[in-house]
């Protein structure tokens, strides 16, 4: 029972776990944004690339 009490009070890994949760949430938000806007961004980049290619130098 004493070792269980020590285990409950031990917080050495708490900061690491908190950082892992934050990194996971940021990754999830980034993935969601990529899925939501990825196609639109790709299309816009293609349009701007075509625009640059169509510029004629005199």
PDB file of N, CA and C in Angstrom:
ATOM      1  N   UNK A   1       0.818  -1.191   0.000  1.00  0.00           N
ATOM      2  CA  UNK A   1       0.000   0.000   0.000  1.00  0.00           C
ATOM      3  C   UNK A   1       0.864   1.258   0.000  1.00  0.00           C
ATOM      4  N   UNK A   2       2.005   1.186   0.670  1.00  0.00           N
ATOM      5  CA  UNK A   2       2.898   2.333   0.747  1.00  0.00           C
ATOM      6  C   UNK A   2       3.465   2.681  -0.630  1.00  0.00           C
ATOM      7  N   UNK A   3       3.795   1.661  -1.419  1.00  0.00           N
ATOM      8  CA  UNK A   3       4.329   1.915  -2.763  1.00  0.00           C
ATOM      9  C   UNK A   3       3.265   2.523  -3.672  1.00  0.00           C
ATOM     10  N   UNK A   4       2.020   2.155  -3.479  1.00  0.00           N
ATOM     11  CA  UNK A   4       0.926   2.745  -4.270  1.00  0.00           C
ATOM     12  C   UNK A   4       0.773   4.226  -3.930  1.00  0.00           C
ATOM     13  N   UNK A   5       0.918   4.555  -2.668  1.00  0.00           N
ATOM     14  CA  UNK A   5       0.845   5.944  -2.227  1.00  0.00           C
ATOM     15  C   UNK A   5       1.974   6.765  -2.842  1.00  0.00           C
ATOM     16  N   UNK A   6       3.174   6.192  -2.900  1.00  0.00           N
ATOM     17  CA  UNK A   6       4.304   6.876  -3.516  1.00  0.00           C
ATOM     18  C   UNK A   6       4.058   7.088  -5.005  1.00  0.00           C
ATOM     19  N   UNK A   7       3.485   6.100  -5.660  1.00  0.00           N
ATOM     20  CA  UNK A   7       3.217   6.178  -7.093  1.00  0.00           C
ATOM     21  C   UNK A   7       2.211   7.281  -7.410  1.00  0.00           C
ATOM     22  N   UNK A   8       1.191   7.421  -6.578  1.00  0.00           N
ATOM     23  CA  UNK A   8       0.169   8.449  -6.800  1.00  0.00           C
ATOM     24  C   UNK A   8       0.761   9.843  -6.636  1.00  0.00           C
ATOM     25  N   UNK A   9       1.685  10.004  -5.703  1.00  0.00           N
ATOM     26  CA  UNK A   9       2.288  11.308  -5.433  1.00  0.00           C
ATOM     27  C   UNK A   9       3.409  11.659  -6.406  1.00  0.00           C
ATOM     28  N   UNK A  10       3.907  10.695  -7.152  1.00  0.00           N
ATOM     29  CA  UNK A  10       5.016  10.919  -8.079  1.00  0.00           C
ATOM     30  C   UNK A  10       4.515  11.675  -9.305  1.00  0.00           C
ATOM     31  N   UNK A  11       5.055  12.859  -9.560  1.00  0.00           N
ATOM     32  CA  UNK A  11       4.609  13.683 -10.694  1.00  0.00           C
ATOM     33  C   UNK A  11       5.734  13.950 -11.674  1.00  0.00           C
ATOM     34  N   UNK A  12       6.776  13.137 -11.661  1.00  0.00           N
ATOM     35  CA  UNK A  12       7.931  13.381 -12.529  1.00  0.00           C
ATOM     36  C   UNK A  12       7.581  13.375 -14.012  1.00  0.00           C
ATOM     37  N   UNK A  13       6.671  12.562 -14.449  1.00  0.00           N
ATOM     38  CA  UNK A  13       6.341  12.484 -15.869  1.00  0.00           C
ATOM     39  C   UNK A  13       5.163  13.340 -16.280  1.00  0.00           C
ATOM     40  N   UNK A  14       4.603  14.095 -15.363  1.00  0.00           N
ATOM     41  CA  UNK A  14       3.397  14.874 -15.653  1.00  0.00           C
ATOM     42  C   UNK A  14       3.641  15.932 -16.720  1.00  0.00           C
ATOM     43  N   UNK A  15       4.738  16.650 -16.649  1.00  0.00           N
ATOM     44  CA  UNK A  15       5.023  17.693 -17.643  1.00  0.00           C
ATOM     45  C   UNK A  15       5.196  17.090 -19.030  1.00  0.00           C
ATOM     46  N   UNK A  16       5.872  15.957 -19.097  1.00  0.00           N
ATOM     47  CA  UNK A  16       6.076  15.291 -20.378  1.00  0.00           C
ATOM     48  C   UNK A  16       4.739  14.903 -21.006  1.00  0.00           C
ATOM     49  N   UNK A  17       3.862  14.362 -20.204  1.00  0.00           N
ATOM     50  CA  UNK A  17       2.543  13.956 -20.705  1.00  0.00           C
ATOM     51  C   UNK A  17       1.755  15.176 -21.169  1.00  0.00           C
ATOM     52  N   UNK A  18       1.839  16.269 -20.422  1.00  0.00           N
ATOM     53  CA  UNK A  18       1.135  17.495 -20.821  1.00  0.00           C
ATOM     54  C   UNK A  18       1.652  17.994 -22.164  1.00  0.00           C
ATOM     55  N   UNK A  19       2.977  17.981 -22.360  1.00  0.00           N
ATOM     56  CA  UNK A  19       3.540  18.407 -23.637  1.00  0.00           C
ATOM     57  C   UNK A  19       3.114  17.479 -24.763  1.00  0.00           C
ATOM     58  N   UNK A  20       3.051  16.207 -24.508  1.00  0.00           N
ATOM     59  CA  UNK A  20       2.598  15.259 -25.537  1.00  0.00           C
ATOM     60  C   UNK A  20       1.150  15.526 -25.933  1.00  0.00           C
ATOM     61  N   UNK A  21       0.320  15.841 -24.967  1.00  0.00           N
ATOM     62  CA  UNK A  21      -1.083  16.150 -25.261  1.00  0.00           C
ATOM     63  C   UNK A  21      -1.165  17.425 -26.105  1.00  0.00           C
ATOM     64  N   UNK A  22      -0.386  18.435 -25.750  1.00  0.00           N
ATOM     65  CA  UNK A  22      -0.400  19.693 -26.511  1.00  0.00           C
ATOM     66  C   UNK A  22       0.080  19.447 -27.939  1.00  0.00           C
ATOM     67  N   UNK A  23       1.152  18.691 -28.103  1.00  0.00           N
ATOM     68  CA  UNK A  23       1.663  18.392 -29.443  1.00  0.00           C
ATOM     69  C   UNK A  23       0.621  17.613 -30.246  1.00  0.00           C
ATOM     70  N   UNK A  24      -0.057  16.695 -29.601  1.00  0.00           N
ATOM     71  CA  UNK A  24      -1.104  15.938 -30.276  1.00  0.00           C
ATOM     72  C   UNK A  24      -2.254  16.815 -30.731  1.00  0.00           C
ATOM     73  N   UNK A  25      -2.655  17.752 -29.891  1.00  0.00           N
ATOM     74  CA  UNK A  25      -3.754  18.662 -30.254  1.00  0.00           C
ATOM     75  C   UNK A  25      -3.335  19.566 -31.411  1.00  0.00           C
ATOM     76  N   UNK A  26      -2.104  20.094 -31.360  1.00  0.00           N
ATOM     77  CA  UNK A  26      -1.623  20.946 -32.450  1.00  0.00           C
ATOM     78  C   UNK A  26      -1.548  20.155 -33.752  1.00  0.00           C
ATOM     79  N   UNK A  27      -1.079  18.927 -33.696  1.00  0.00           N
ATOM     80  CA  UNK A  27      -1.018  18.089 -34.893  1.00  0.00           C
ATOM     81  C   UNK A  27      -2.411  17.811 -35.446  1.00  0.00           C
ATOM     82  N   UNK A  28      -3.359  17.563 -34.558  1.00  0.00           N
ATOM     83  CA  UNK A  28      -4.729  17.309 -34.995  1.00  0.00           C
ATOM     84  C   UNK A  28      -5.340  18.539 -35.653  1.00  0.00           C
ATOM     85  N   UNK A  29      -5.096  19.713 -35.093  1.00  0.00           N
ATOM     86  CA  UNK A  29      -5.600  20.959 -35.688  1.00  0.00           C
ATOM     87  C   UNK A  29      -4.958  21.189 -37.054  1.00  0.00           C
ATOM     88  N   UNK A  30      -3.640  20.947 -37.146  1.00  0.00           N
ATOM     89  CA  UNK A  30      -2.956  21.109 -38.427  1.00  0.00           C
ATOM     90  C   UNK A  30      -3.470  20.152 -39.484  1.00  0.00           C
ATOM     91  N   UNK A  31      -3.696  18.911 -39.105  1.00  0.00           N
ATOM     92  CA  UNK A  31      -4.224  17.919 -40.039  1.00  0.00           C
ATOM     93  C   UNK A  31      -5.632  18.281 -40.493  1.00  0.00           C
ATOM     94  N   UNK A  32      -6.441  18.739 -39.565  1.00  0.00           N
ATOM     95  CA  UNK A  32      -7.801  19.149 -39.906  1.00  0.00           C
ATOM     96  C   UNK A  32      -7.789  20.330 -40.873  1.00  0.00           C
ATOM     97  N   UNK A  33      -6.919  21.312 -40.626  1.00  0.00           N
ATOM     98  CA  UNK A  33      -6.809  22.465 -41.520  1.00  0.00           C
ATOM     99  C   UNK A  33      -6.320  22.033 -42.894  1.00  0.00           C
ATOM    100  N   UNK A  34      -5.368  21.120 -42.929  1.00  0.00           N
ATOM    101  CA  UNK A  34      -4.859  20.639 -44.213  1.00  0.00           C
ATOM    102  C   UNK A  34      -5.946  19.943 -45.014  1.00  0.00           C
ATOM    103  N   UNK A  35      -6.739  19.115 -44.343  1.00  0.00           N
ATOM    104  CA  UNK A  35      -7.829  18.413 -45.029  1.00  0.00           C
ATOM    105  C   UNK A  35      -8.875  19.411 -45.514  1.00  0.00           C
ATOM    106  N   UNK A  36      -9.178  20.410 -44.693  1.00  0.00           N
ATOM    107  CA  UNK A  36     -10.220  21.376 -45.040  1.00  0.00           C
ATOM    108  C   UNK A  36      -9.783  22.319 -46.161  1.00  0.00           C
ATOM    109  N   UNK A  37      -8.517  22.764 -46.132  1.00  0.00           N
ATOM    110  CA  UNK A  37      -8.076  23.795 -47.077  1.00  0.00           C
ATOM    111  C   UNK A  37      -7.038  23.326 -48.077  1.00  0.00           C
ATOM    112  N   UNK A  38      -6.572  22.105 -47.975  1.00  0.00           N
ATOM    113  CA  UNK A  38      -5.498  21.617 -48.833  1.00  0.00           C
ATOM    114  C   UNK A  38      -5.804  21.709 -50.311  1.00  0.00           C
ATOM    115  N   UNK A  39      -6.984  21.295 -50.705  1.00  0.00           N
ATOM    116  CA  UNK A  39      -7.366  21.357 -52.116  1.00  0.00           C
ATOM    117  C   UNK A  39      -7.465  22.772 -52.627  1.00  0.00           C
ATOM    118  N   UNK A  40      -8.000  23.655 -51.821  1.00  0.00           N
ATOM    119  CA  UNK A  40      -8.143  25.063 -52.220  1.00  0.00           C
ATOM    120  C   UNK A  40      -6.781  25.720 -52.385  1.00  0.00           C
ATOM    121  N   UNK A  41      -5.870  25.421 -51.481  1.00  0.00           N
ATOM    122  CA  UNK A  41      -4.526  25.998 -51.557  1.00  0.00           C
ATOM    123  C   UNK A  41      -3.811  25.486 -52.794  1.00  0.00           C
ATOM    124  N   UNK A  42      -3.914  24.209 -53.064  1.00  0.00           N
ATOM    125  CA  UNK A  42      -3.278  23.627 -54.245  1.00  0.00           C
ATOM    126  C   UNK A  42      -3.826  24.265 -55.519  1.00  0.00           C
ATOM    127  N   UNK A  43      -5.130  24.439 -55.571  1.00  0.00           N
ATOM    128  CA  UNK A  43      -5.761  25.070 -56.734  1.00  0.00           C
ATOM    129  C   UNK A  43      -5.276  26.500 -56.907  1.00  0.00           C
ATOM    130  N   UNK A  44      -5.230  27.257 -55.823  1.00  0.00           N
ATOM    131  CA  UNK A  44      -4.791  28.652 -55.885  1.00  0.00           C
ATOM    132  C   UNK A  44      -3.333  28.748 -56.314  1.00  0.00           C
ATOM    133  N   UNK A  45      -2.482  27.877 -55.816  1.00  0.00           N
ATOM    134  CA  UNK A  45      -1.073  27.888 -56.213  1.00  0.00           C
ATOM    135  C   UNK A  45      -0.947  27.589 -57.703  1.00  0.00           C
ATOM    136  N   UNK A  46      -1.731  26.644 -58.189  1.00  0.00           N
ATOM    137  CA  UNK A  46      -1.729  26.334 -59.617  1.00  0.00           C
ATOM    138  C   UNK A  46      -2.185  27.509 -60.462  1.00  0.00           C
ATOM    139  N   UNK A  47      -3.224  28.204 -60.011  1.00  0.00           N
ATOM    140  CA  UNK A  47      -3.722  29.380 -60.741  1.00  0.00           C
ATOM    141  C   UNK A  47      -2.662  30.478 -60.800  1.00  0.00           C
ATOM    142  N   UNK A  48      -2.016  30.730 -59.677  1.00  0.00           N
ATOM    143  CA  UNK A  48      -0.987  31.774 -59.652  1.00  0.00           C
ATOM    144  C   UNK A  48       0.212  31.367 -60.502  1.00  0.00           C
ATOM    145  N   UNK A  49       0.550  30.087 -60.512  1.00  0.00           N
ATOM    146  CA  UNK A  49       1.634  29.610 -61.365  1.00  0.00           C
ATOM    147  C   UNK A  49       1.311  29.804 -62.835  1.00  0.00           C
ATOM    148  N   UNK A  50       0.081  29.527 -63.224  1.00  0.00           N
ATOM    149  CA  UNK A  50      -0.345  29.749 -64.615  1.00  0.00           C
ATOM    150  C   UNK A  50      -0.288  31.229 -64.963  1.00  0.00           C
ATOM    151  N   UNK A  51      -0.653  32.066 -64.010  1.00  0.00           N
ATOM    152  CA  UNK A  51      -0.606  33.509 -64.230  1.00  0.00           C
ATOM    153  C   UNK A  51       0.819  33.974 -64.492  1.00  0.00           C
ATOM    154  N   UNK A  52       1.761  33.488 -63.705  1.00  0.00           N
ATOM    155  CA  UNK A  52       3.160  33.868 -63.874  1.00  0.00           C
ATOM    156  C   UNK A  52       3.676  33.354 -65.216  1.00  0.00           C
ATOM    157  N   UNK A  53       3.303  32.146 -65.571  1.00  0.00           N
ATOM    158  CA  UNK A  53       3.756  31.584 -66.849  1.00  0.00           C
ATOM    159  C   UNK A  53       3.193  32.332 -68.040  1.00  0.00           C
ATOM    160  N   UNK A  54       2.048  32.974 -67.872  1.00  0.00           N
ATOM    161  CA  UNK A  54       1.413  33.656 -68.994  1.00  0.00           C
ATOM    162  C   UNK A  54       1.954  35.070 -69.197  1.00  0.00           C
ATOM    163  N   UNK A  55       2.775  35.552 -68.294  1.00  0.00           N
ATOM    164  CA  UNK A  55       3.366  36.901 -68.432  1.00  0.00           C
ATOM    165  C   UNK A  55       4.368  36.861 -69.574  1.00  0.00           C
ATOM    166  N   UNK A  56       4.218  37.802 -70.480  1.00  0.00           N
ATOM    167  CA  UNK A  56       5.133  37.858 -71.621  1.00  0.00           C
ATOM    168  C   UNK A  56       6.127  38.995 -71.405  1.00  0.00           C
ATOM    169  N   UNK A  57       7.392  38.663 -71.557  1.00  0.00           N
ATOM    170  CA  UNK A  57       8.451  39.660 -71.406  1.00  0.00           C
ATOM    171  C   UNK A  57       8.636  40.344 -72.731  1.00  0.00           C
ATOM    172  N   UNK A  58       8.726  41.669 -72.709  1.00  0.00           N
ATOM    173  CA  UNK A  58       8.889  42.410 -73.965  1.00  0.00           C
ATOM    174  C   UNK A  58      10.319  42.739 -74.222  1.00  0.00           C
TER     175      UNK A  58
END
